[in-house]
Amino acid sequence: MKNFIKKLFGKEEPVINFACSSWGVRKYAPIEPAGKFFPDKFKDMSPYFKKEQHNIDSHKTVRACPGITDYMSMGYVIPAWCDITIEPTPDGKHIITRYSDDMYNDAYHPEEQLGKFMEQKFAVRGAVKLDNPWFTWNKAGWSTLYLPMYYHEGKNWEAVPGVMDHDLGAPQSPINIMLKEIKPTTIKMGEPIVQVIPFKREKQVARTMELNETVMKRQWAISSLHKMTYAGWIKWVKTKKLYVVDAQDTDLPG
C-alpha cells in the first residue's frame, strides 16, 4: 500500500526532515538542494579554456569536472536564517554573537574545550554555537554528514564538519562555526552556512588486492568509451544524483 501511495502522489518518503517555526525563514531562507549554491566564480566560469568543434578535442576547465560538480551538488544547504555579527575579543578567547532577530541566543564553546586543536587554522579559540532554528530528524537508520562550504572562498568563518544521528538524538542542535582571524565578522541572511548530506548507516567493506588482469580490463573497457562519439563519454561514466525538497507551509496563513 505504501508503494502504491508513493506512485499515486508521485512523492517519495523523505529520508531527512527539516522543521522551523519561523514562516519568514521557511519562505526566504529555506533549506534547498546544495546544487543551488554554486559559488559565483564557479557558475560564471566557462567549461572550456580552448573550445574546438568537437568536444573530445576541446580543453576543459574545472567547471566541467564531474567530481567537483557532483560534490557541490550533494545533499542540502542550510543558509543563514537572519543577519549575524560575530565579535571576538582581541585575544580571540571570547566571542559575542548578535543576530538581527533577537529571538536567537548568543553561545560558544570556550577555548578550554579546544586546547591547541586546529590552532593553525582558526585563530579564534572558541567555536560559535549558531542558534539553529531548524529541527532536523532522519528516517530510521539514516544519519547526516555536516560539511563546510569548501569551495566558497573569502569567508572568515567555516562550519565545523561532523556527523549527527538525527534519528536517535535530539532534533535541534546548534551549527558550530569557527573564525580564521580575530576580527569582526558578518554573515548575511541567505548565505550558505553548511552542507548537509543524509546517508544510510550500513556496513561498508573495503578490499585491497594486487592489480590484476580483470581490473585492467575494466580500465581499458571504460577508457575506450571516450572517443566513441565526438561529444565524449561523460553520459556513460556518471549518473544523476537527486536531492529534492518538498516544501511545506510556505504560504501566508489565511
Protein backbone atom coordinates (compact mmCIF):
# COMPACT_ATOMS: atom_id res chain seq x y z
CA MET A 1 0.00 0.00 0.00
CA LYS A 2 2.81 2.43 0.87
CA ASN A 3 4.47 1.97 -2.53
CA PHE A 4 1.09 2.44 -4.21
CA ILE A 5 0.60 5.75 -2.39
CA LYS A 6 4.09 6.90 -3.44
CA LYS A 7 3.31 6.07 -7.05
CA LEU A 8 -0.13 7.68 -6.89
CA PHE A 9 1.03 11.01 -5.48
CA GLY A 10 4.49 11.00 -7.06
CA LYS A 11 6.32 11.63 -3.78
CA GLU A 12 8.99 9.56 -2.10
CA GLU A 13 9.17 9.16 1.66
CA PRO A 14 11.77 11.68 2.90
CA VAL A 15 15.00 10.41 4.46
CA ILE A 16 15.58 13.77 6.19
CA ASN A 17 13.14 16.30 7.59
CA PHE A 18 13.60 19.97 8.48
CA ALA A 19 11.05 21.89 10.56
CA CYS A 20 11.18 25.59 11.53
CA SER A 21 8.64 27.67 13.46
CA SER A 22 9.51 30.89 11.57
CA TRP A 23 7.48 31.42 8.40
CA GLY A 24 9.98 34.06 7.23
CA VAL A 25 12.88 31.59 7.44
CA ARG A 26 10.93 28.85 5.66
CA LYS A 27 9.94 31.30 2.91
CA TYR A 28 13.03 33.49 2.41
CA ALA A 29 15.95 31.46 3.76
CA PRO A 30 14.77 27.92 3.04
CA ILE A 31 16.62 24.64 3.04
CA GLU A 32 17.49 23.95 -0.59
CA PRO A 33 19.42 21.38 -2.64
CA ALA A 34 23.14 22.10 -2.48
CA GLY A 35 23.28 22.42 -6.26
CA LYS A 36 21.61 25.84 -5.94
CA PHE A 37 24.59 27.24 -4.03
CA PHE A 38 27.46 27.04 -6.51
CA PRO A 39 29.95 29.89 -5.90
CA ASP A 40 29.55 32.78 -8.38
CA LYS A 41 33.09 32.38 -9.71
CA PHE A 42 32.36 28.74 -10.48
CA LYS A 43 28.97 29.45 -12.08
CA ASP A 44 30.46 32.19 -14.27
CA MET A 45 33.41 30.07 -15.42
CA SER A 46 33.36 28.59 -18.92
CA PRO A 47 33.67 24.79 -19.04
CA TYR A 48 36.35 25.28 -21.72
CA PHE A 49 39.60 27.22 -21.91
CA LYS A 50 40.02 26.04 -25.50
CA LYS A 51 36.82 25.17 -27.37
CA GLU A 52 37.00 23.12 -30.55
CA GLN A 53 34.30 21.92 -32.93
CA HIS A 54 34.20 18.51 -31.27
CA ASN A 55 34.02 18.10 -27.52
CA ILE A 56 36.71 15.41 -27.44
CA ASP A 57 39.19 17.89 -28.97
CA SER A 58 38.40 20.69 -26.52
CA HIS A 59 40.40 21.56 -23.40
CA LYS A 60 38.22 21.93 -20.32
CA THR A 61 38.33 23.88 -17.07
CA VAL A 62 37.49 22.73 -13.57
CA ARG A 63 33.90 23.84 -14.32
CA ALA A 64 33.48 20.68 -16.41
CA CYS A 65 34.85 18.30 -13.75
CA PRO A 66 32.02 15.89 -12.83
CA GLY A 67 33.59 15.04 -9.48
CA ILE A 68 33.56 18.66 -8.31
CA THR A 69 30.07 19.49 -9.55
CA ASP A 70 28.75 16.28 -8.01
CA TYR A 71 30.40 17.12 -4.68
CA MET A 72 28.95 20.64 -4.62
CA SER A 73 25.51 19.25 -5.51
CA MET A 74 25.37 16.61 -2.78
CA GLY A 75 22.67 16.91 -0.16
CA TYR A 76 21.23 20.19 1.05
CA VAL A 77 22.35 23.56 2.37
CA ILE A 78 21.22 25.39 5.49
CA PRO A 79 21.58 29.12 4.76
CA ALA A 80 21.79 31.87 7.37
CA TRP A 81 18.31 32.47 8.77
CA CYS A 82 18.99 36.16 9.58
CA ASP A 83 21.91 38.59 9.66
CA ILE A 84 24.59 37.53 12.15
CA THR A 85 27.53 39.54 13.52
CA ILE A 86 30.34 37.88 15.45
CA GLU A 87 32.77 39.91 17.60
CA PRO A 88 35.78 38.10 19.08
CA THR A 89 37.74 39.75 21.90
CA PRO A 90 41.28 40.98 20.98
CA ASP A 91 42.84 37.83 22.47
CA GLY A 92 40.49 35.57 20.46
CA LYS A 93 39.35 33.73 23.58
CA HIS A 94 35.81 35.07 23.91
CA ILE A 95 33.10 35.69 21.33
CA ILE A 96 29.89 37.71 21.27
CA THR A 97 27.32 36.82 18.61
CA ARG A 98 24.41 39.10 17.74
CA TYR A 99 21.51 38.14 15.50
CA SER A 100 19.31 40.69 13.71
CA ASP A 101 16.41 38.71 15.15
CA ASP A 102 16.77 38.88 18.93
CA MET A 103 14.91 35.61 19.48
CA TYR A 104 18.22 33.79 18.92
CA ASN A 105 20.75 33.27 21.71
CA ASP A 106 24.48 34.00 21.95
CA ALA A 107 26.59 30.95 22.81
CA TYR A 108 30.02 29.46 22.09
CA HIS A 109 32.32 26.62 23.09
CA PRO A 110 35.15 28.07 25.25
CA GLU A 111 38.84 27.73 24.39
CA GLU A 112 39.34 25.11 27.11
CA GLN A 113 37.34 22.63 25.04
CA LEU A 114 39.66 23.05 22.08
CA GLY A 115 43.11 23.28 23.64
CA LYS A 116 45.57 23.62 20.77
CA PHE A 117 43.44 21.59 18.38
CA MET A 118 43.18 23.29 14.94
CA GLU A 119 45.05 26.35 16.21
CA GLN A 120 46.92 26.80 12.91
CA LYS A 121 43.65 27.15 11.04
CA PHE A 122 41.46 29.05 13.49
CA ALA A 123 42.95 31.98 15.41
CA VAL A 124 39.77 32.49 17.41
CA ARG A 125 39.96 29.81 20.07
CA GLY A 126 36.30 29.07 20.50
CA ALA A 127 33.54 27.64 18.34
CA VAL A 128 30.44 29.76 17.79
CA LYS A 129 27.26 27.80 18.53
CA LEU A 130 24.90 29.28 15.96
CA ASP A 131 21.35 29.13 17.35
CA ASN A 132 19.93 26.95 14.60
CA PRO A 133 16.13 27.38 14.13
CA TRP A 134 15.79 24.15 12.16
CA PHE A 135 14.69 20.94 13.88
CA THR A 136 16.16 18.03 11.92
CA TRP A 137 15.38 14.35 12.06
CA ASN A 138 16.23 11.42 9.83
CA LYS A 139 14.37 8.36 8.72
CA ALA A 140 15.32 5.38 10.90
CA GLY A 141 18.76 4.05 10.00
CA TRP A 142 19.92 7.29 8.36
CA SER A 143 22.48 9.83 9.58
CA THR A 144 23.57 13.27 8.40
CA LEU A 145 27.05 14.43 7.44
CA TYR A 146 27.69 18.16 8.03
CA LEU A 147 30.36 19.76 5.83
CA PRO A 148 31.74 23.29 5.43
CA MET A 149 31.06 25.14 2.18
CA TYR A 150 34.51 24.16 0.93
CA TYR A 151 34.51 25.94 -2.44
CA HIS A 152 33.13 29.24 -1.09
CA GLU A 153 36.25 31.33 -0.63
CA GLY A 154 36.81 34.67 1.08
CA LYS A 155 34.93 33.86 4.28
CA ASN A 156 36.45 34.45 7.71
CA TRP A 157 34.34 31.63 9.12
CA GLU A 158 33.86 27.97 8.39
CA ALA A 159 31.39 25.35 9.60
CA VAL A 160 32.86 22.51 11.64
CA PRO A 161 32.31 19.13 9.93
CA GLY A 162 30.75 16.25 11.79
CA VAL A 163 28.08 13.54 11.76
CA MET A 164 24.75 13.51 13.58
CA ASP A 165 22.45 10.50 14.05
CA HIS A 166 19.29 12.57 13.91
CA ASP A 167 17.06 9.51 14.01
CA LEU A 168 18.27 8.87 17.57
CA GLY A 169 19.39 12.22 19.02
CA ALA A 170 17.62 15.50 19.70
CA PRO A 171 16.18 17.16 16.59
CA GLN A 172 17.50 20.64 17.44
CA SER A 173 21.23 21.26 17.73
CA PRO A 174 23.46 24.28 17.08
CA ILE A 175 25.59 24.65 13.97
CA ASN A 176 29.18 25.15 15.06
CA ILE A 177 31.41 27.52 13.11
CA MET A 178 34.90 28.89 13.79
CA LEU A 179 36.69 32.11 12.83
CA LYS A 180 40.00 32.09 10.97
CA GLU A 181 41.11 35.60 12.00
CA ILE A 182 40.48 37.69 15.09
CA LYS A 183 38.24 40.32 13.57
CA PRO A 184 34.55 41.28 13.44
CA THR A 185 32.68 39.01 11.05
CA THR A 186 29.25 39.30 9.42
CA ILE A 187 27.12 36.57 7.90
CA LYS A 188 24.23 37.88 5.83
CA MET A 189 20.80 36.28 5.74
CA GLY A 190 20.70 33.70 2.95
CA GLU A 191 24.44 32.98 2.86
CA PRO A 192 25.12 29.22 2.74
CA ILE A 193 26.42 28.08 6.11
CA VAL A 194 26.69 24.31 5.99
CA GLN A 195 26.19 21.43 3.54
CA VAL A 196 24.17 18.54 4.98
CA ILE A 197 24.23 15.10 3.34
CA PRO A 198 21.97 12.30 4.57
CA PHE A 199 23.39 8.80 4.30
CA LYS A 200 22.20 5.34 5.22
CA ARG A 201 24.03 3.60 8.03
CA GLU A 202 25.04 0.22 6.69
CA LYS A 203 28.15 -1.91 6.77
CA GLN A 204 30.79 -0.85 4.25
CA VAL A 205 33.53 -3.26 3.23
CA ALA A 206 36.78 -2.18 1.55
CA ARG A 207 39.10 -4.65 -0.14
CA THR A 208 42.73 -4.30 -1.16
CA MET A 209 44.41 -6.61 -3.65
CA GLU A 210 47.16 -6.91 -6.20
CA LEU A 211 46.40 -5.23 -9.51
CA ASN A 212 45.25 -7.99 -11.86
CA GLU A 213 44.10 -8.54 -15.42
CA THR A 214 40.41 -8.17 -14.57
CA VAL A 215 40.93 -4.71 -13.12
CA MET A 216 42.97 -3.66 -16.15
CA LYS A 217 40.28 -4.96 -18.49
CA ARG A 218 37.76 -2.81 -16.66
CA GLN A 219 40.05 0.22 -17.04
CA TRP A 220 40.55 -0.38 -20.77
CA ALA A 221 36.84 -1.01 -21.35
CA ILE A 222 35.78 2.25 -19.74
CA SER A 223 38.62 4.25 -21.32
CA SER A 224 37.56 3.05 -24.77
CA LEU A 225 34.27 4.93 -24.39
CA HIS A 226 36.00 8.31 -24.52
CA LYS A 227 36.11 8.62 -28.30
CA MET A 228 33.07 6.60 -29.31
CA THR A 229 31.35 9.89 -30.12
CA TYR A 230 32.60 13.42 -30.77
CA ALA A 231 30.66 14.50 -27.67
CA GLY A 232 32.79 12.45 -25.30
CA TRP A 233 31.96 9.98 -22.58
CA ILE A 234 30.53 11.83 -19.58
CA LYS A 235 26.99 10.46 -20.04
CA TRP A 236 28.30 6.90 -19.69
CA VAL A 237 30.62 7.32 -16.70
CA LYS A 238 28.46 9.27 -14.25
CA THR A 239 24.89 9.14 -13.01
CA LYS A 240 22.42 11.73 -11.80
CA LYS A 241 22.10 12.25 -8.05
CA LEU A 242 18.71 13.53 -6.93
CA TYR A 243 18.19 15.79 -3.93
CA VAL A 244 14.69 17.22 -3.74
CA VAL A 245 12.95 19.49 -1.24
CA ASP A 246 9.23 19.02 -0.61
CA ALA A 247 8.50 22.45 0.94
CA GLN A 248 5.53 22.54 3.28
CA ASP A 249 3.66 25.56 4.69
CA THR A 250 5.43 28.44 2.95
CA ASP A 251 2.20 30.30 2.11
CA LEU A 252 0.98 33.03 4.43
CA PRO A 253 -1.73 31.85 6.82
CA GLY A 254 -5.25 32.61 5.64
